[in-house]
Structures are given as C-alpha cells and as structure tokens.
Amino acid sequence: MATKNEYLTFEKMITPVVIKILFWIVVAACVLGGLFMLPQEPVSGILMIILGPLVARIYAEILMVMFKMNEHLFEIKELLAKKADK
C-alpha cells in the first residue's frame, strides 16, 4: 500500500487509477450510446457497442504502458542502488 509520502514525492502515480475510472466511464457511455442508436441505426449501434469499448481499452492500455514502464524503471533504479551499496 502506498503511503502519502510516496504520492507527494511522485514515487507512486495517481494517474493510472484515473485512467481506469475514465475507461469504465467511456465503456458505459459507448454501450448506452449504442443502445440508444439501435432503433435508428442498428448497424452503427452494434458497432458502437462492440468497437467503442475495444478502442477505449486499447487507448487505456497504451497509456498504462507508460506508467508501467515508469514503475519498472523505478524498481531497476532501486535494485541498482542496493547493488552499488554492497
């Protein structure tokens, strides 16, 4: 569990949590929008229900990769610092 100090010193990022929340909001909007489109444009509604969440997931994963790389680089830095202290 991250401490307040880790957030204040930017060792732990808040943005990945925000990205996950926004992803679920976009998925809900795509599904609801697709359902409302079904009576007027059935093909577009179905495509929105299927492709909307897929595109949102791909975009969220691309953003999350950056933060995962940051976490792993931080771990490498800590390991190298421990190794240098020995």
PDB file of N, CA and C in Angstrom:
ATOM      1  N   MET A   1       0.838  -1.183   0.000  1.00  0.00           N
ATOM      2  CA  MET A   1       0.000   0.000   0.000  1.00  0.00           C
ATOM      3  C   MET A   1       0.879   1.240   0.000  1.00  0.00           C
ATOM      4  N   ALA A   2       0.550   2.161  -0.848  1.00  0.00           N
ATOM      5  CA  ALA A   2       1.342   3.373  -0.980  1.00  0.00           C
ATOM      6  C   ALA A   2       1.058   4.337   0.171  1.00  0.00           C
ATOM      7  N   THR A   3       2.107   4.991   0.622  1.00  0.00           N
ATOM      8  CA  THR A   3       1.938   5.981   1.677  1.00  0.00           C
ATOM      9  C   THR A   3       1.727   7.360   1.062  1.00  0.00           C
ATOM     10  N   LYS A   4       1.298   8.290   1.895  1.00  0.00           N
ATOM     11  CA  LYS A   4       1.071   9.661   1.430  1.00  0.00           C
ATOM     12  C   LYS A   4       2.368  10.268   0.907  1.00  0.00           C
ATOM     13  N   ASN A   5       3.481   9.937   1.543  1.00  0.00           N
ATOM     14  CA  ASN A   5       4.777  10.467   1.129  1.00  0.00           C
ATOM     15  C   ASN A   5       5.131  10.005  -0.290  1.00  0.00           C
ATOM     16  N   GLU A   6       4.775   8.764  -0.627  1.00  0.00           N
ATOM     17  CA  GLU A   6       5.056   8.257  -1.977  1.00  0.00           C
ATOM     18  C   GLU A   6       4.275   9.036  -3.031  1.00  0.00           C
ATOM     19  N   TYR A   7       3.066   9.440  -2.707  1.00  0.00           N
ATOM     20  CA  TYR A   7       2.281  10.244  -3.642  1.00  0.00           C
ATOM     21  C   TYR A   7       2.837  11.664  -3.737  1.00  0.00           C
ATOM     22  N   LEU A   8       3.250  12.217  -2.600  1.00  0.00           N
ATOM     23  CA  LEU A   8       3.754  13.591  -2.590  1.00  0.00           C
ATOM     24  C   LEU A   8       5.101  13.716  -3.291  1.00  0.00           C
ATOM     25  N   THR A   9       5.903  12.662  -3.273  1.00  0.00           N
ATOM     26  CA  THR A   9       7.205  12.693  -3.940  1.00  0.00           C
ATOM     27  C   THR A   9       7.147  12.095  -5.339  1.00  0.00           C
ATOM     28  N   PHE A  10       5.952  11.795  -5.810  1.00  0.00           N
ATOM     29  CA  PHE A  10       5.716  11.258  -7.156  1.00  0.00           C
ATOM     30  C   PHE A  10       6.377   9.904  -7.391  1.00  0.00           C
ATOM     31  N   GLU A  11       6.622   9.156  -6.307  1.00  0.00           N
ATOM     32  CA  GLU A  11       7.114   7.787  -6.464  1.00  0.00           C
ATOM     33  C   GLU A  11       5.966   6.861  -6.839  1.00  0.00           C
ATOM     34  N   LYS A  12       4.772   7.189  -6.423  1.00  0.00           N
ATOM     35  CA  LYS A  12       3.567   6.432  -6.763  1.00  0.00           C
ATOM     36  C   LYS A  12       2.653   7.368  -7.538  1.00  0.00           C
ATOM     37  N   MET A  13       2.161   6.900  -8.679  1.00  0.00           N
ATOM     38  CA  MET A  13       1.355   7.739  -9.563  1.00  0.00           C
ATOM     39  C   MET A  13      -0.138   7.567  -9.295  1.00  0.00           C
ATOM     40  N   ILE A  14      -0.874   8.653  -9.422  1.00  0.00           N
ATOM     41  CA  ILE A  14      -2.324   8.657  -9.253  1.00  0.00           C
ATOM     42  C   ILE A  14      -3.012   8.433 -10.597  1.00  0.00           C
ATOM     43  N   THR A  15      -2.379   8.862 -11.667  1.00  0.00           N
ATOM     44  CA  THR A  15      -2.993   8.840 -12.990  1.00  0.00           C
ATOM     45  C   THR A  15      -3.452   7.457 -13.437  1.00  0.00           C
ATOM     46  N   PRO A  16      -2.751   6.352 -13.154  1.00  0.00           N
ATOM     47  CA  PRO A  16      -3.280   5.050 -13.573  1.00  0.00           C
ATOM     48  C   PRO A  16      -4.667   4.743 -13.011  1.00  0.00           C
ATOM     49  N   VAL A  17      -4.938   5.176 -11.801  1.00  0.00           N
ATOM     50  CA  VAL A  17      -6.266   4.972 -11.220  1.00  0.00           C
ATOM     51  C   VAL A  17      -7.288   5.806 -11.981  1.00  0.00           C
ATOM     52  N   VAL A  18      -6.921   7.036 -12.298  1.00  0.00           N
ATOM     53  CA  VAL A  18      -7.817   7.916 -13.051  1.00  0.00           C
ATOM     54  C   VAL A  18      -8.092   7.328 -14.438  1.00  0.00           C
ATOM     55  N   ILE A  19      -7.072   6.778 -15.078  1.00  0.00           N
ATOM     56  CA  ILE A  19      -7.244   6.174 -16.404  1.00  0.00           C
ATOM     57  C   ILE A  19      -8.235   5.011 -16.327  1.00  0.00           C
ATOM     58  N   LYS A  20      -8.128   4.185 -15.297  1.00  0.00           N
ATOM     59  CA  LYS A  20      -9.046   3.053 -15.151  1.00  0.00           C
ATOM     60  C   LYS A  20     -10.485   3.521 -14.944  1.00  0.00           C
ATOM     61  N   ILE A  21     -10.662   4.559 -14.135  1.00  0.00           N
ATOM     62  CA  ILE A  21     -12.012   5.094 -13.909  1.00  0.00           C
ATOM     63  C   ILE A  21     -12.580   5.664 -15.202  1.00  0.00           C
ATOM     64  N   LEU A  22     -11.770   6.447 -15.917  1.00  0.00           N
ATOM     65  CA  LEU A  22     -12.225   7.019 -17.187  1.00  0.00           C
ATOM     66  C   LEU A  22     -12.538   5.939 -18.214  1.00  0.00           C
ATOM     67  N   PHE A  23     -11.767   4.858 -18.206  1.00  0.00           N
ATOM     68  CA  PHE A  23     -12.033   3.750 -19.124  1.00  0.00           C
ATOM     69  C   PHE A  23     -13.440   3.201 -18.901  1.00  0.00           C
ATOM     70  N   TRP A  24     -13.801   2.951 -17.647  1.00  0.00           N
ATOM     71  CA  TRP A  24     -15.118   2.388 -17.364  1.00  0.00           C
ATOM     72  C   TRP A  24     -16.239   3.374 -17.682  1.00  0.00           C
ATOM     73  N   ILE A  25     -15.986   4.663 -17.500  1.00  0.00           N
ATOM     74  CA  ILE A  25     -16.977   5.672 -17.876  1.00  0.00           C
ATOM     75  C   ILE A  25     -17.190   5.666 -19.391  1.00  0.00           C
ATOM     76  N   VAL A  26     -16.092   5.584 -20.150  1.00  0.00           N
ATOM     77  CA  VAL A  26     -16.187   5.552 -21.616  1.00  0.00           C
ATOM     78  C   VAL A  26     -16.893   4.278 -22.086  1.00  0.00           C
ATOM     79  N   VAL A  27     -16.583   3.147 -21.460  1.00  0.00           N
ATOM     80  CA  VAL A  27     -17.255   1.891 -21.828  1.00  0.00           C
ATOM     81  C   VAL A  27     -18.761   2.013 -21.593  1.00  0.00           C
ATOM     82  N   ALA A  28     -19.151   2.535 -20.448  1.00  0.00           N
ATOM     83  CA  ALA A  28     -20.582   2.704 -20.159  1.00  0.00           C
ATOM     84  C   ALA A  28     -21.229   3.652 -21.165  1.00  0.00           C
ATOM     85  N   ALA A  29     -20.534   4.732 -21.521  1.00  0.00           N
ATOM     86  CA  ALA A  29     -21.075   5.694 -22.487  1.00  0.00           C
ATOM     87  C   ALA A  29     -21.226   5.053 -23.868  1.00  0.00           C
ATOM     88  N   CYS A  30     -20.255   4.245 -24.264  1.00  0.00           N
ATOM     89  CA  CYS A  30     -20.341   3.571 -25.567  1.00  0.00           C
ATOM     90  C   CYS A  30     -21.501   2.586 -25.611  1.00  0.00           C
ATOM     91  N   VAL A  31     -21.656   1.812 -24.565  1.00  0.00           N
ATOM     92  CA  VAL A  31     -22.739   0.821 -24.535  1.00  0.00           C
ATOM     93  C   VAL A  31     -24.098   1.522 -24.505  1.00  0.00           C
ATOM     94  N   LEU A  32     -24.236   2.522 -23.644  1.00  0.00           N
ATOM     95  CA  LEU A  32     -25.511   3.247 -23.585  1.00  0.00           C
ATOM     96  C   LEU A  32     -25.787   3.984 -24.893  1.00  0.00           C
ATOM     97  N   GLY A  33     -24.767   4.626 -25.448  1.00  0.00           N
ATOM     98  CA  GLY A  33     -24.935   5.308 -26.723  1.00  0.00           C
ATOM     99  C   GLY A  33     -25.314   4.344 -27.828  1.00  0.00           C
ATOM    100  N   GLY A  34     -24.687   3.184 -27.829  1.00  0.00           N
ATOM    101  CA  GLY A  34     -25.025   2.164 -28.816  1.00  0.00           C
ATOM    102  C   GLY A  34     -26.436   1.648 -28.663  1.00  0.00           C
ATOM    103  N   LEU A  35     -26.873   1.477 -27.416  1.00  0.00           N
ATOM    104  CA  LEU A  35     -28.250   1.025 -27.180  1.00  0.00           C
ATOM    105  C   LEU A  35     -29.270   2.061 -27.650  1.00  0.00           C
ATOM    106  N   PHE A  36     -28.966   3.343 -27.418  1.00  0.00           N
ATOM    107  CA  PHE A  36     -29.879   4.395 -27.883  1.00  0.00           C
ATOM    108  C   PHE A  36     -29.871   4.523 -29.403  1.00  0.00           C
ATOM    109  N   MET A  37     -28.752   4.141 -30.039  1.00  0.00           N
ATOM    110  CA  MET A  37     -28.665   4.228 -31.500  1.00  0.00           C
ATOM    111  C   MET A  37     -29.343   3.050 -32.197  1.00  0.00           C
ATOM    112  N   LEU A  38     -29.536   1.952 -31.496  1.00  0.00           N
ATOM    113  CA  LEU A  38     -30.082   0.739 -32.125  1.00  0.00           C
ATOM    114  C   LEU A  38     -31.399   0.956 -32.882  1.00  0.00           C
ATOM    115  N   PRO A  39     -32.372   1.678 -32.325  1.00  0.00           N
ATOM    116  CA  PRO A  39     -33.631   1.835 -33.083  1.00  0.00           C
ATOM    117  C   PRO A  39     -33.472   2.613 -34.396  1.00  0.00           C
ATOM    118  N   GLN A  40     -32.610   3.637 -34.418  1.00  0.00           N
ATOM    119  CA  GLN A  40     -32.463   4.446 -35.626  1.00  0.00           C
ATOM    120  C   GLN A  40     -31.444   3.844 -36.600  1.00  0.00           C
ATOM    121  N   GLU A  41     -30.293   3.472 -36.074  1.00  0.00           N
ATOM    122  CA  GLU A  41     -29.201   2.925 -36.893  1.00  0.00           C
ATOM    123  C   GLU A  41     -28.693   1.635 -36.256  1.00  0.00           C
ATOM    124  N   PRO A  42     -29.308   0.499 -36.559  1.00  0.00           N
ATOM    125  CA  PRO A  42     -28.926  -0.753 -35.889  1.00  0.00           C
ATOM    126  C   PRO A  42     -27.460  -1.138 -36.097  1.00  0.00           C
ATOM    127  N   VAL A  43     -26.956  -0.971 -37.306  1.00  0.00           N
ATOM    128  CA  VAL A  43     -25.565  -1.366 -37.578  1.00  0.00           C
ATOM    129  C   VAL A  43     -24.604  -0.480 -36.800  1.00  0.00           C
ATOM    130  N   SER A  44     -24.852   0.828 -36.844  1.00  0.00           N
ATOM    131  CA  SER A  44     -23.985   1.758 -36.114  1.00  0.00           C
ATOM    132  C   SER A  44     -24.057   1.502 -34.608  1.00  0.00           C
ATOM    133  N   GLY A  45     -25.247   1.209 -34.105  1.00  0.00           N
ATOM    134  CA  GLY A  45     -25.402   0.929 -32.677  1.00  0.00           C
ATOM    135  C   GLY A  45     -24.629  -0.303 -32.247  1.00  0.00           C
ATOM    136  N   ILE A  46     -24.717  -1.356 -33.046  1.00  0.00           N
ATOM    137  CA  ILE A  46     -23.994  -2.589 -32.727  1.00  0.00           C
ATOM    138  C   ILE A  46     -22.490  -2.359 -32.809  1.00  0.00           C
ATOM    139  N   LEU A  47     -22.051  -1.633 -33.838  1.00  0.00           N
ATOM    140  CA  LEU A  47     -20.624  -1.333 -33.963  1.00  0.00           C
ATOM    141  C   LEU A  47     -20.128  -0.504 -32.782  1.00  0.00           C
ATOM    142  N   MET A  48     -20.947   0.443 -32.343  1.00  0.00           N
ATOM    143  CA  MET A  48     -20.550   1.263 -31.195  1.00  0.00           C
ATOM    144  C   MET A  48     -20.467   0.427 -29.929  1.00  0.00           C
ATOM    145  N   ILE A  49     -21.401  -0.501 -29.750  1.00  0.00           N
ATOM    146  CA  ILE A  49     -21.382  -1.359 -28.567  1.00  0.00           C
ATOM    147  C   ILE A  49     -20.158  -2.266 -28.574  1.00  0.00           C
ATOM    148  N   ILE A  50     -19.763  -2.733 -29.748  1.00  0.00           N
ATOM    149  CA  ILE A  50     -18.637  -3.669 -29.841  1.00  0.00           C
ATOM    150  C   ILE A  50     -17.295  -2.937 -29.934  1.00  0.00           C
ATOM    151  N   LEU A  51     -17.195  -1.999 -30.855  1.00  0.00           N
ATOM    152  CA  LEU A  51     -15.912  -1.350 -31.116  1.00  0.00           C
ATOM    153  C   LEU A  51     -15.570  -0.243 -30.123  1.00  0.00           C
ATOM    154  N   GLY A  52     -16.579   0.426 -29.563  1.00  0.00           N
ATOM    155  CA  GLY A  52     -16.316   1.511 -28.612  1.00  0.00           C
ATOM    156  C   GLY A  52     -15.494   1.051 -27.419  1.00  0.00           C
ATOM    157  N   PRO A  53     -15.947   0.028 -26.691  1.00  0.00           N
ATOM    158  CA  PRO A  53     -15.146  -0.450 -25.563  1.00  0.00           C
ATOM    159  C   PRO A  53     -13.779  -1.018 -25.983  1.00  0.00           C
ATOM    160  N   LEU A  54     -13.730  -1.623 -27.165  1.00  0.00           N
ATOM    161  CA  LEU A  54     -12.452  -2.164 -27.648  1.00  0.00           C
ATOM    162  C   LEU A  54     -11.440  -1.047 -27.888  1.00  0.00           C
ATOM    163  N   VAL A  55     -11.874   0.001 -28.548  1.00  0.00           N
ATOM    164  CA  VAL A  55     -10.979   1.140 -28.808  1.00  0.00           C
ATOM    165  C   VAL A  55     -10.593   1.817 -27.501  1.00  0.00           C
ATOM    166  N   ALA A  56     -11.539   1.952 -26.581  1.00  0.00           N
ATOM    167  CA  ALA A  56     -11.247   2.554 -25.276  1.00  0.00           C
ATOM    168  C   ALA A  56     -10.223   1.717 -24.517  1.00  0.00           C
ATOM    169  N   ARG A  57     -10.347   0.395 -24.597  1.00  0.00           N
ATOM    170  CA  ARG A  57      -9.399  -0.492 -23.907  1.00  0.00           C
ATOM    171  C   ARG A  57      -7.999  -0.361 -24.496  1.00  0.00           C
ATOM    172  N   ILE A  58      -7.910  -0.334 -25.825  1.00  0.00           N
ATOM    173  CA  ILE A  58      -6.602  -0.206 -26.476  1.00  0.00           C
ATOM    174  C   ILE A  58      -5.946   1.114 -26.082  1.00  0.00           C
ATOM    175  N   TYR A  59      -6.717   2.195 -26.107  1.00  0.00           N
ATOM    176  CA  TYR A  59      -6.178   3.502 -25.750  1.00  0.00           C
ATOM    177  C   TYR A  59      -5.731   3.525 -24.285  1.00  0.00           C
ATOM    178  N   ALA A  60      -6.537   2.959 -23.388  1.00  0.00           N
ATOM    179  CA  ALA A  60      -6.181   2.918 -21.971  1.00  0.00           C
ATOM    180  C   ALA A  60      -4.918   2.084 -21.750  1.00  0.00           C
ATOM    181  N   GLU A  61      -4.795   0.975 -22.471  1.00  0.00           N
ATOM    182  CA  GLU A  61      -3.600   0.137 -22.320  1.00  0.00           C
ATOM    183  C   GLU A  61      -2.349   0.857 -22.805  1.00  0.00           C
ATOM    184  N   ILE A  62      -2.473   1.609 -23.888  1.00  0.00           N
ATOM    185  CA  ILE A  62      -1.319   2.366 -24.380  1.00  0.00           C
ATOM    186  C   ILE A  62      -0.871   3.374 -23.322  1.00  0.00           C
ATOM    187  N   LEU A  63      -1.823   4.050 -22.708  1.00  0.00           N
ATOM    188  CA  LEU A  63      -1.473   4.999 -21.653  1.00  0.00           C
ATOM    189  C   LEU A  63      -0.872   4.295 -20.435  1.00  0.00           C
ATOM    190  N   MET A  64      -1.439   3.149 -20.078  1.00  0.00           N
ATOM    191  CA  MET A  64      -0.959   2.423 -18.900  1.00  0.00           C
ATOM    192  C   MET A  64       0.454   1.873 -19.088  1.00  0.00           C
ATOM    193  N   VAL A  65       0.812   1.555 -20.320  1.00  0.00           N
ATOM    194  CA  VAL A  65       2.158   1.044 -20.588  1.00  0.00           C
ATOM    195  C   VAL A  65       3.208   2.047 -20.139  1.00  0.00           C
ATOM    196  N   MET A  66       2.951   3.320 -20.376  1.00  0.00           N
ATOM    197  CA  MET A  66       3.899   4.358 -19.961  1.00  0.00           C
ATOM    198  C   MET A  66       4.113   4.342 -18.448  1.00  0.00           C
ATOM    199  N   PHE A  67       3.046   4.187 -17.705  1.00  0.00           N
ATOM    200  CA  PHE A  67       3.165   4.179 -16.252  1.00  0.00           C
ATOM    201  C   PHE A  67       3.801   2.885 -15.749  1.00  0.00           C
ATOM    202  N   LYS A  68       3.523   1.775 -16.408  1.00  0.00           N
ATOM    203  CA  LYS A  68       4.169   0.515 -16.020  1.00  0.00           C
ATOM    204  C   LYS A  68       5.670   0.592 -16.280  1.00  0.00           C
ATOM    205  N   MET A  69       6.045   1.214 -17.402  1.00  0.00           N
ATOM    206  CA  MET A  69       7.470   1.376 -17.687  1.00  0.00           C
ATOM    207  C   MET A  69       8.126   2.226 -16.605  1.00  0.00           C
ATOM    208  N   ASN A  70       7.441   3.273 -16.162  1.00  0.00           N
ATOM    209  CA  ASN A  70       7.957   4.122 -15.100  1.00  0.00           C
ATOM    210  C   ASN A  70       8.152   3.318 -13.815  1.00  0.00           C
ATOM    211  N   GLU A  71       7.175   2.482 -13.461  1.00  0.00           N
ATOM    212  CA  GLU A  71       7.280   1.662 -12.252  1.00  0.00           C
ATOM    213  C   GLU A  71       8.464   0.701 -12.344  1.00  0.00           C
ATOM    214  N   HIS A  72       8.613   0.055 -13.493  1.00  0.00           N
ATOM    215  CA  HIS A  72       9.699  -0.905 -13.649  1.00  0.00           C
ATOM    216  C   HIS A  72      11.063  -0.216 -13.660  1.00  0.00           C
ATOM    217  N   LEU A  73      11.147   0.946 -14.265  1.00  0.00           N
ATOM    218  CA  LEU A  73      12.408   1.691 -14.237  1.00  0.00           C
ATOM    219  C   LEU A  73      12.764   2.113 -12.820  1.00  0.00           C
ATOM    220  N   PHE A  74      11.755   2.479 -12.031  1.00  0.00           N
ATOM    221  CA  PHE A  74      11.996   2.839 -10.640  1.00  0.00           C
ATOM    222  C   PHE A  74      12.513   1.629  -9.858  1.00  0.00           C
ATOM    223  N   GLU A  75      11.934   0.448 -10.118  1.00  0.00           N
ATOM    224  CA  GLU A  75      12.405  -0.776  -9.448  1.00  0.00           C
ATOM    225  C   GLU A  75      13.842  -1.093  -9.851  1.00  0.00           C
ATOM    226  N   ILE A  76      14.167  -0.923 -11.119  1.00  0.00           N
ATOM    227  CA  ILE A  76      15.538  -1.163 -11.585  1.00  0.00           C
ATOM    228  C   ILE A  76      16.496  -0.199 -10.898  1.00  0.00           C
ATOM    229  N   LYS A  77      16.084   1.053 -10.777  1.00  0.00           N
ATOM    230  CA  LYS A  77      16.913   2.062 -10.106  1.00  0.00           C
ATOM    231  C   LYS A  77      17.177   1.670  -8.664  1.00  0.00           C
ATOM    232  N   GLU A  78      16.143   1.200  -7.964  1.00  0.00           N
ATOM    233  CA  GLU A  78      16.318   0.778  -6.576  1.00  0.00           C
ATOM    234  C   GLU A  78      17.243  -0.426  -6.464  1.00  0.00           C
ATOM    235  N   LEU A  79      17.080  -1.389  -7.385  1.00  0.00           N
ATOM    236  CA  LEU A  79      17.957  -2.574  -7.360  1.00  0.00           C
ATOM    237  C   LEU A  79      19.411  -2.192  -7.625  1.00  0.00           C
ATOM    238  N   LEU A  80      19.634  -1.300  -8.576  1.00  0.00           N
ATOM    239  CA  LEU A  80      20.981  -0.861  -8.869  1.00  0.00           C
ATOM    240  C   LEU A  80      21.593  -0.081  -7.704  1.00  0.00           C
ATOM    241  N   ALA A  81      20.772   0.704  -7.018  1.00  0.00           N
ATOM    242  CA  ALA A  81      21.255   1.452  -5.862  1.00  0.00           C
ATOM    243  C   ALA A  81      21.638   0.492  -4.730  1.00  0.00           C
ATOM    244  N   LYS A  82      20.832  -0.550  -4.521  1.00  0.00           N
ATOM    245  CA  LYS A  82      21.162  -1.544  -3.490  1.00  0.00           C
ATOM    246  C   LYS A  82      22.442  -2.287  -3.845  1.00  0.00           C
ATOM    247  N   LYS A  83      22.574  -2.619  -5.143  1.00  0.00           N
ATOM    248  CA  LYS A  83      23.758  -3.345  -5.600  1.00  0.00           C
ATOM    249  C   LYS A  83      25.014  -2.471  -5.446  1.00  0.00           C
ATOM    250  N   ALA A  84      24.906  -1.176  -5.686  1.00  0.00           N
ATOM    251  CA  ALA A  84      26.028  -0.271  -5.579  1.00  0.00           C
ATOM    252  C   ALA A  84      26.439  -0.071  -4.114  1.00  0.00           C
ATOM    253  N   ASP A  85      25.490  -0.190  -3.200  1.00  0.00           N
ATOM    254  CA  ASP A  85      25.783  -0.013  -1.769  1.00  0.00           C
ATOM    255  C   ASP A  85      26.560  -1.199  -1.211  1.00  0.00           C
ATOM    256  N   LYS A  86      26.486  -2.341  -1.828  1.00  0.00           N
ATOM    257  CA  LYS A  86      27.162  -3.543  -1.302  1.00  0.00           C
ATOM    258  C   LYS A  86      28.636  -3.488  -1.485  1.00  0.00           C
TER     259      LYS A  86
END
